[in-house]
All heavy atoms as atom14 arrays in JSON, in Angstrom:
{
  "sequence": "VLAAASWRGREWLGFPGLVEGGLADLVVYPEDPRADL",
  "atom14_mask": [
    [1, 1, 1, 1, 1, 1, 1, 0, 0, 0, 0, 0, 0, 0],
    [1, 1, 1, 1, 1, 1, 1, 1, 0, 0, 0, 0, 0, 0],
    [1, 1, 1, 1, 1, 0, 0, 0, 0, 0, 0, 0, 0, 0],
    [1, 1, 1, 1, 1, 0, 0, 0, 0, 0, 0, 0, 0, 0],
    [1, 1, 1, 1, 1, 0, 0, 0, 0, 0, 0, 0, 0, 0],
    [1, 1, 1, 1, 1, 1, 0, 0, 0, 0, 0, 0, 0, 0],
    [1, 1, 1, 1, 1, 1, 1, 1, 1, 1, 1, 1, 1, 1],
    [1, 1, 1, 1, 1, 1, 1, 1, 1, 1, 1, 0, 0, 0],
    [1, 1, 1, 1, 0, 0, 0, 0, 0, 0, 0, 0, 0, 0],
    [1, 1, 1, 1, 1, 1, 1, 1, 1, 1, 1, 0, 0, 0],
    [1, 1, 1, 1, 1, 1, 1, 1, 1, 0, 0, 0, 0, 0],
    [1, 1, 1, 1, 1, 1, 1, 1, 1, 1, 1, 1, 1, 1],
    [1, 1, 1, 1, 1, 1, 1, 1, 0, 0, 0, 0, 0, 0],
    [1, 1, 1, 1, 0, 0, 0, 0, 0, 0, 0, 0, 0, 0],
    [1, 1, 1, 1, 1, 1, 1, 1, 1, 1, 1, 0, 0, 0],
    [1, 1, 1, 1, 1, 1, 1, 0, 0, 0, 0, 0, 0, 0],
    [1, 1, 1, 1, 0, 0, 0, 0, 0, 0, 0, 0, 0, 0],
    [1, 1, 1, 1, 1, 1, 1, 1, 0, 0, 0, 0, 0, 0],
    [1, 1, 1, 1, 1, 1, 1, 0, 0, 0, 0, 0, 0, 0],
    [1, 1, 1, 1, 1, 1, 1, 1, 1, 0, 0, 0, 0, 0],
    [1, 1, 1, 1, 0, 0, 0, 0, 0, 0, 0, 0, 0, 0],
    [1, 1, 1, 1, 0, 0, 0, 0, 0, 0, 0, 0, 0, 0],
    [1, 1, 1, 1, 1, 1, 1, 1, 0, 0, 0, 0, 0, 0],
    [1, 1, 1, 1, 1, 0, 0, 0, 0, 0, 0, 0, 0, 0],
    [1, 1, 1, 1, 1, 1, 1, 1, 0, 0, 0, 0, 0, 0],
    [1, 1, 1, 1, 1, 1, 1, 1, 0, 0, 0, 0, 0, 0],
    [1, 1, 1, 1, 1, 1, 1, 0, 0, 0, 0, 0, 0, 0],
    [1, 1, 1, 1, 1, 1, 1, 0, 0, 0, 0, 0, 0, 0],
    [1, 1, 1, 1, 1, 1, 1, 1, 1, 1, 1, 1, 0, 0],
    [1, 1, 1, 1, 1, 1, 1, 0, 0, 0, 0, 0, 0, 0],
    [1, 1, 1, 1, 1, 1, 1, 1, 1, 0, 0, 0, 0, 0],
    [1, 1, 1, 1, 1, 1, 1, 1, 0, 0, 0, 0, 0, 0],
    [1, 1, 1, 1, 1, 1, 1, 0, 0, 0, 0, 0, 0, 0],
    [1, 1, 1, 1, 1, 1, 1, 1, 1, 1, 1, 0, 0, 0],
    [1, 1, 1, 1, 1, 0, 0, 0, 0, 0, 0, 0, 0, 0],
    [1, 1, 1, 1, 1, 1, 1, 1, 0, 0, 0, 0, 0, 0],
    [1, 1, 1, 1, 1, 1, 1, 1, 0, 0, 0, 0, 0, 0]
  ],
  "atom14_positions": [
    [[46.78, 20.91, 48.62], [47.72, 21.58, 47.73], [48.33, 22.8, 48.42], [49.54, 23.03, 48.36], [47.04, 21.99, 46.41], [47.98, 22.88, 45.58], [46.65, 20.77, 45.6], [0.0, 0.0, 0.0], [0.0, 0.0, 0.0], [0.0, 0.0, 0.0], [0.0, 0.0, 0.0], [0.0, 0.0, 0.0], [0.0, 0.0, 0.0], [0.0, 0.0, 0.0]],
    [[47.48, 23.57, 49.1], [48.0, 24.73, 49.83], [48.99, 24.3, 50.91], [50.03, 24.94, 51.1], [46.83, 25.5, 50.46], [45.92, 26.23, 49.47], [44.64, 26.69, 50.16], [46.63, 27.42, 48.84], [0.0, 0.0, 0.0], [0.0, 0.0, 0.0], [0.0, 0.0, 0.0], [0.0, 0.0, 0.0], [0.0, 0.0, 0.0], [0.0, 0.0, 0.0]],
    [[48.69, 23.22, 51.6], [49.61, 22.71, 52.61], [50.94, 22.3, 51.98], [52.02, 22.59, 52.51], [48.99, 21.53, 53.35], [0.0, 0.0, 0.0], [0.0, 0.0, 0.0], [0.0, 0.0, 0.0], [0.0, 0.0, 0.0], [0.0, 0.0, 0.0], [0.0, 0.0, 0.0], [0.0, 0.0, 0.0], [0.0, 0.0, 0.0], [0.0, 0.0, 0.0]],
    [[50.87, 21.63, 50.83], [52.08, 21.17, 50.14], [52.93, 22.32, 49.65], [54.15, 22.19, 49.52], [51.69, 20.28, 48.95], [0.0, 0.0, 0.0], [0.0, 0.0, 0.0], [0.0, 0.0, 0.0], [0.0, 0.0, 0.0], [0.0, 0.0, 0.0], [0.0, 0.0, 0.0], [0.0, 0.0, 0.0], [0.0, 0.0, 0.0], [0.0, 0.0, 0.0]],
    [[52.3, 23.46, 49.4], [53.0, 24.63, 48.88], [53.31, 25.65, 49.96], [54.04, 26.61, 49.7], [52.16, 25.32, 47.8], [0.0, 0.0, 0.0], [0.0, 0.0, 0.0], [0.0, 0.0, 0.0], [0.0, 0.0, 0.0], [0.0, 0.0, 0.0], [0.0, 0.0, 0.0], [0.0, 0.0, 0.0], [0.0, 0.0, 0.0], [0.0, 0.0, 0.0]],
    [[52.78, 25.45, 51.18], [52.93, 26.48, 52.2], [53.35, 25.86, 53.53], [54.5, 25.46, 53.69], [51.64, 27.29, 52.32], [51.71, 28.27, 53.32], [0.0, 0.0, 0.0], [0.0, 0.0, 0.0], [0.0, 0.0, 0.0], [0.0, 0.0, 0.0], [0.0, 0.0, 0.0], [0.0, 0.0, 0.0], [0.0, 0.0, 0.0], [0.0, 0.0, 0.0]],
    [[52.45, 25.74, 54.48], [52.85, 25.41, 55.84], [53.5, 24.04, 55.97], [54.51, 23.88, 56.65], [51.68, 25.56, 56.82], [50.45, 24.78, 56.49], [50.14, 23.51, 56.89], [49.33, 25.23, 55.71], [48.9, 23.13, 56.41], [48.38, 24.17, 55.68], [49.03, 26.41, 55.02], [47.17, 24.27, 55.01], [47.83, 26.51, 54.35], [46.91, 25.45, 54.33]],
    [[52.98, 23.03, 55.28], [53.56, 21.7, 55.4], [54.89, 21.63, 54.64], [55.86, 21.01, 55.1], [52.58, 20.66, 54.87], [52.91, 19.22, 55.31], [51.83, 18.27, 54.82], [50.53, 18.57, 55.4], [49.37, 18.31, 54.82], [49.34, 17.77, 53.6], [48.23, 18.6, 55.43], [0.0, 0.0, 0.0], [0.0, 0.0, 0.0], [0.0, 0.0, 0.0]],
    [[54.94, 22.24, 53.46], [56.17, 22.27, 52.69], [57.28, 23.02, 53.41], [58.44, 22.6, 53.4], [0.0, 0.0, 0.0], [0.0, 0.0, 0.0], [0.0, 0.0, 0.0], [0.0, 0.0, 0.0], [0.0, 0.0, 0.0], [0.0, 0.0, 0.0], [0.0, 0.0, 0.0], [0.0, 0.0, 0.0], [0.0, 0.0, 0.0], [0.0, 0.0, 0.0]],
    [[56.93, 24.13, 54.03], [57.94, 24.89, 54.77], [58.49, 24.07, 55.94], [59.7, 24.08, 56.21], [57.35, 26.21, 55.27], [57.07, 27.21, 54.16], [56.5, 28.5, 54.72], [57.5, 29.2, 55.52], [58.31, 30.15, 55.06], [58.26, 30.51, 53.78], [59.18, 30.74, 55.85], [0.0, 0.0, 0.0], [0.0, 0.0, 0.0], [0.0, 0.0, 0.0]],
    [[57.6, 23.39, 56.63], [58.06, 22.55, 57.74], [59.03, 21.48, 57.25], [60.06, 21.22, 57.89], [56.85, 21.9, 58.42], [57.2, 21.01, 59.59], [55.99, 20.37, 60.23], [54.88, 20.46, 59.63], [56.13, 19.76, 61.3], [0.0, 0.0, 0.0], [0.0, 0.0, 0.0], [0.0, 0.0, 0.0], [0.0, 0.0, 0.0], [0.0, 0.0, 0.0]],
    [[58.73, 20.88, 56.11], [59.59, 19.85, 55.55], [60.97, 20.39, 55.22], [61.98, 19.72, 55.43], [58.93, 19.26, 54.3], [59.66, 18.14, 53.64], [60.0, 16.93, 54.19], [60.13, 18.11, 52.29], [60.65, 16.15, 53.25], [60.74, 16.85, 52.08], [60.08, 19.02, 51.23], [61.29, 16.49, 50.86], [60.63, 18.66, 50.01], [61.24, 17.4, 49.84]],
    [[61.02, 21.61, 54.71], [62.3, 22.21, 54.34], [63.02, 22.84, 55.54], [64.17, 23.25, 55.42], [62.1, 23.28, 53.26], [61.66, 22.77, 51.9], [61.49, 23.93, 50.92], [62.63, 21.74, 51.34], [0.0, 0.0, 0.0], [0.0, 0.0, 0.0], [0.0, 0.0, 0.0], [0.0, 0.0, 0.0], [0.0, 0.0, 0.0], [0.0, 0.0, 0.0]],
    [[62.34, 22.92, 56.68], [62.98, 23.45, 57.88], [62.8, 24.94, 58.07], [63.6, 25.57, 58.78], [0.0, 0.0, 0.0], [0.0, 0.0, 0.0], [0.0, 0.0, 0.0], [0.0, 0.0, 0.0], [0.0, 0.0, 0.0], [0.0, 0.0, 0.0], [0.0, 0.0, 0.0], [0.0, 0.0, 0.0], [0.0, 0.0, 0.0], [0.0, 0.0, 0.0]],
    [[61.75, 25.51, 57.47], [61.47, 26.94, 57.58], [60.14, 27.14, 58.29], [59.08, 27.0, 57.66], [61.44, 27.59, 56.19], [62.72, 27.42, 55.42], [62.72, 26.81, 54.18], [63.92, 27.87, 55.94], [63.9, 26.65, 53.45], [65.11, 27.73, 55.22], [65.1, 27.12, 53.98], [0.0, 0.0, 0.0], [0.0, 0.0, 0.0], [0.0, 0.0, 0.0]],
    [[60.13, 27.46, 59.57], [58.87, 27.57, 60.32], [57.92, 28.58, 59.7], [58.32, 29.58, 59.09], [59.34, 28.03, 61.71], [60.76, 27.62, 61.8], [61.31, 27.7, 60.42], [0.0, 0.0, 0.0], [0.0, 0.0, 0.0], [0.0, 0.0, 0.0], [0.0, 0.0, 0.0], [0.0, 0.0, 0.0], [0.0, 0.0, 0.0], [0.0, 0.0, 0.0]],
    [[56.63, 28.3, 59.85], [55.59, 29.16, 59.31], [55.14, 30.21, 60.28], [55.93, 30.7, 61.12], [0.0, 0.0, 0.0], [0.0, 0.0, 0.0], [0.0, 0.0, 0.0], [0.0, 0.0, 0.0], [0.0, 0.0, 0.0], [0.0, 0.0, 0.0], [0.0, 0.0, 0.0], [0.0, 0.0, 0.0], [0.0, 0.0, 0.0], [0.0, 0.0, 0.0]],
    [[53.87, 30.58, 60.21], [53.34, 31.68, 60.99], [52.88, 31.17, 62.36], [51.69, 31.07, 62.67], [52.19, 32.35, 60.23], [52.61, 32.96, 58.88], [51.41, 33.53, 58.15], [53.69, 34.02, 59.06], [0.0, 0.0, 0.0], [0.0, 0.0, 0.0], [0.0, 0.0, 0.0], [0.0, 0.0, 0.0], [0.0, 0.0, 0.0], [0.0, 0.0, 0.0]],
    [[53.87, 30.82, 63.17], [53.67, 30.37, 64.54], [54.46, 31.29, 65.45], [55.29, 32.08, 64.99], [54.13, 28.91, 64.71], [53.31, 27.97, 63.85], [55.62, 28.77, 64.37], [0.0, 0.0, 0.0], [0.0, 0.0, 0.0], [0.0, 0.0, 0.0], [0.0, 0.0, 0.0], [0.0, 0.0, 0.0], [0.0, 0.0, 0.0], [0.0, 0.0, 0.0]],
    [[54.19, 31.23, 66.73], [54.93, 32.07, 67.66], [56.43, 31.82, 67.5], [56.9, 30.68, 67.6], [54.5, 31.77, 69.1], [55.15, 32.68, 70.13], [54.72, 34.13, 70.0], [53.51, 34.39, 69.72], [55.59, 35.01, 70.18], [0.0, 0.0, 0.0], [0.0, 0.0, 0.0], [0.0, 0.0, 0.0], [0.0, 0.0, 0.0], [0.0, 0.0, 0.0]],
    [[57.17, 32.91, 67.23], [58.6, 32.8, 67.01], [58.98, 32.34, 65.62], [60.18, 32.18, 65.34], [0.0, 0.0, 0.0], [0.0, 0.0, 0.0], [0.0, 0.0, 0.0], [0.0, 0.0, 0.0], [0.0, 0.0, 0.0], [0.0, 0.0, 0.0], [0.0, 0.0, 0.0], [0.0, 0.0, 0.0], [0.0, 0.0, 0.0], [0.0, 0.0, 0.0]],
    [[58.0, 32.1, 64.74], [58.28, 31.64, 63.39], [58.83, 32.74, 62.51], [59.09, 33.86, 62.95], [0.0, 0.0, 0.0], [0.0, 0.0, 0.0], [0.0, 0.0, 0.0], [0.0, 0.0, 0.0], [0.0, 0.0, 0.0], [0.0, 0.0, 0.0], [0.0, 0.0, 0.0], [0.0, 0.0, 0.0], [0.0, 0.0, 0.0], [0.0, 0.0, 0.0]],
    [[59.02, 32.41, 61.24], [59.65, 33.32, 60.3], [58.62, 34.24, 59.67], [57.51, 33.82, 59.31], [60.39, 32.53, 59.22], [61.5, 31.62, 59.74], [62.07, 30.76, 58.63], [62.61, 32.43, 60.41], [0.0, 0.0, 0.0], [0.0, 0.0, 0.0], [0.0, 0.0, 0.0], [0.0, 0.0, 0.0], [0.0, 0.0, 0.0], [0.0, 0.0, 0.0]],
    [[59.0, 35.49, 59.47], [58.08, 36.53, 58.99], [57.99, 36.51, 57.47], [58.36, 37.46, 56.78], [58.53, 37.9, 59.5], [0.0, 0.0, 0.0], [0.0, 0.0, 0.0], [0.0, 0.0, 0.0], [0.0, 0.0, 0.0], [0.0, 0.0, 0.0], [0.0, 0.0, 0.0], [0.0, 0.0, 0.0], [0.0, 0.0, 0.0], [0.0, 0.0, 0.0]],
    [[57.48, 35.4, 56.94], [57.24, 35.24, 55.51], [55.75, 34.96, 55.33], [55.24, 33.98, 55.88], [58.01, 34.04, 54.95], [59.51, 34.16, 55.13], [60.01, 35.26, 55.38], [60.19, 33.11, 55.04], [0.0, 0.0, 0.0], [0.0, 0.0, 0.0], [0.0, 0.0, 0.0], [0.0, 0.0, 0.0], [0.0, 0.0, 0.0], [0.0, 0.0, 0.0]],
    [[55.07, 35.77, 54.54], [53.64, 35.51, 54.34], [53.17, 36.03, 52.99], [53.79, 36.91, 52.4], [52.81, 36.1, 55.48], [52.86, 37.63, 55.72], [51.91, 38.39, 54.81], [52.52, 37.92, 57.18], [0.0, 0.0, 0.0], [0.0, 0.0, 0.0], [0.0, 0.0, 0.0], [0.0, 0.0, 0.0], [0.0, 0.0, 0.0], [0.0, 0.0, 0.0]],
    [[52.08, 35.42, 52.54], [51.36, 35.9, 51.36], [49.9, 36.08, 51.75], [49.38, 35.33, 52.59], [51.48, 34.93, 50.16], [52.86, 34.99, 49.56], [51.13, 33.52, 50.57], [0.0, 0.0, 0.0], [0.0, 0.0, 0.0], [0.0, 0.0, 0.0], [0.0, 0.0, 0.0], [0.0, 0.0, 0.0], [0.0, 0.0, 0.0], [0.0, 0.0, 0.0]],
    [[49.27, 37.07, 51.16], [47.87, 37.37, 51.47], [47.09, 37.4, 50.17], [47.51, 38.03, 49.18], [47.74, 38.74, 52.19], [46.27, 39.02, 52.54], [48.61, 38.77, 53.45], [0.0, 0.0, 0.0], [0.0, 0.0, 0.0], [0.0, 0.0, 0.0], [0.0, 0.0, 0.0], [0.0, 0.0, 0.0], [0.0, 0.0, 0.0], [0.0, 0.0, 0.0]],
    [[45.94, 36.73, 50.17], [45.07, 36.7, 49.01], [43.74, 37.33, 49.35], [43.16, 37.05, 50.42], [44.85, 35.25, 48.54], [46.14, 34.55, 48.2], [46.73, 33.66, 49.09], [46.78, 34.81, 46.98], [47.93, 33.03, 48.77], [47.98, 34.18, 46.67], [48.55, 33.29, 47.58], [49.75, 32.68, 47.27], [0.0, 0.0, 0.0], [0.0, 0.0, 0.0]],
    [[43.18, 38.17, 48.48], [41.88, 38.77, 48.76], [40.74, 37.76, 48.85], [39.8, 37.92, 49.62], [41.67, 39.72, 47.58], [43.01, 39.9, 46.95], [43.76, 38.65, 47.22], [0.0, 0.0, 0.0], [0.0, 0.0, 0.0], [0.0, 0.0, 0.0], [0.0, 0.0, 0.0], [0.0, 0.0, 0.0], [0.0, 0.0, 0.0], [0.0, 0.0, 0.0]],
    [[40.82, 36.7, 48.04], [39.8, 35.67, 48.0], [40.32, 34.39, 48.64], [41.54, 34.16, 48.7], [39.36, 35.39, 46.56], [38.94, 36.64, 45.78], [37.75, 37.34, 46.39], [36.91, 36.64, 47.0], [37.64, 38.57, 46.25], [0.0, 0.0, 0.0], [0.0, 0.0, 0.0], [0.0, 0.0, 0.0], [0.0, 0.0, 0.0], [0.0, 0.0, 0.0]],
    [[39.42, 33.52, 49.06], [39.78, 32.29, 49.74], [40.33, 31.27, 48.74], [39.58, 30.76, 47.9], [38.55, 31.72, 50.45], [38.86, 30.54, 51.35], [40.0, 30.0, 51.26], [37.99, 30.14, 52.13], [0.0, 0.0, 0.0], [0.0, 0.0, 0.0], [0.0, 0.0, 0.0], [0.0, 0.0, 0.0], [0.0, 0.0, 0.0], [0.0, 0.0, 0.0]],
    [[41.6, 30.94, 48.79], [42.14, 29.98, 47.82], [41.64, 28.57, 48.03], [41.75, 27.74, 47.13], [43.66, 30.07, 48.06], [43.79, 30.53, 49.48], [42.63, 31.44, 49.73], [0.0, 0.0, 0.0], [0.0, 0.0, 0.0], [0.0, 0.0, 0.0], [0.0, 0.0, 0.0], [0.0, 0.0, 0.0], [0.0, 0.0, 0.0], [0.0, 0.0, 0.0]],
    [[41.04, 28.28, 49.18], [40.44, 26.97, 49.39], [39.18, 26.82, 48.55], [38.83, 25.71, 48.1], [40.12, 26.74, 50.86], [41.34, 26.77, 51.77], [40.93, 26.84, 53.22], [40.15, 28.05, 53.49], [39.6, 28.35, 54.66], [39.73, 27.52, 55.68], [38.92, 29.48, 54.81], [0.0, 0.0, 0.0], [0.0, 0.0, 0.0], [0.0, 0.0, 0.0]],
    [[38.47, 27.91, 48.33], [37.24, 27.88, 47.53], [37.54, 27.92, 46.04], [36.84, 27.29, 45.24], [36.34, 29.06, 47.92], [0.0, 0.0, 0.0], [0.0, 0.0, 0.0], [0.0, 0.0, 0.0], [0.0, 0.0, 0.0], [0.0, 0.0, 0.0], [0.0, 0.0, 0.0], [0.0, 0.0, 0.0], [0.0, 0.0, 0.0], [0.0, 0.0, 0.0]],
    [[38.6, 28.62, 45.66], [39.01, 28.7, 44.25], [40.52, 28.85, 44.24], [41.06, 29.92, 44.51], [38.35, 29.89, 43.56], [38.63, 29.92, 42.05], [39.54, 29.19, 41.59], [37.95, 30.66, 41.33], [0.0, 0.0, 0.0], [0.0, 0.0, 0.0], [0.0, 0.0, 0.0], [0.0, 0.0, 0.0], [0.0, 0.0, 0.0], [0.0, 0.0, 0.0]],
    [[41.19, 27.75, 43.94], [42.65, 27.71, 44.03], [43.32, 28.68, 43.06], [44.47, 29.07, 43.26], [43.16, 26.28, 43.8], [44.6, 25.99, 44.18], [44.87, 26.28, 45.65], [44.95, 24.54, 43.87], [0.0, 0.0, 0.0], [0.0, 0.0, 0.0], [0.0, 0.0, 0.0], [0.0, 0.0, 0.0], [0.0, 0.0, 0.0], [0.0, 0.0, 0.0]]
  ]
}
């Protein structure tokens, strides 16, 4: 789900993620969303 909403979805739309030279768009969560979405 995180991939569908973030790195994989961005790639599909043509907006690079947090890779070298990528776009400076990010979100930060205090807790691990993989453990509790």
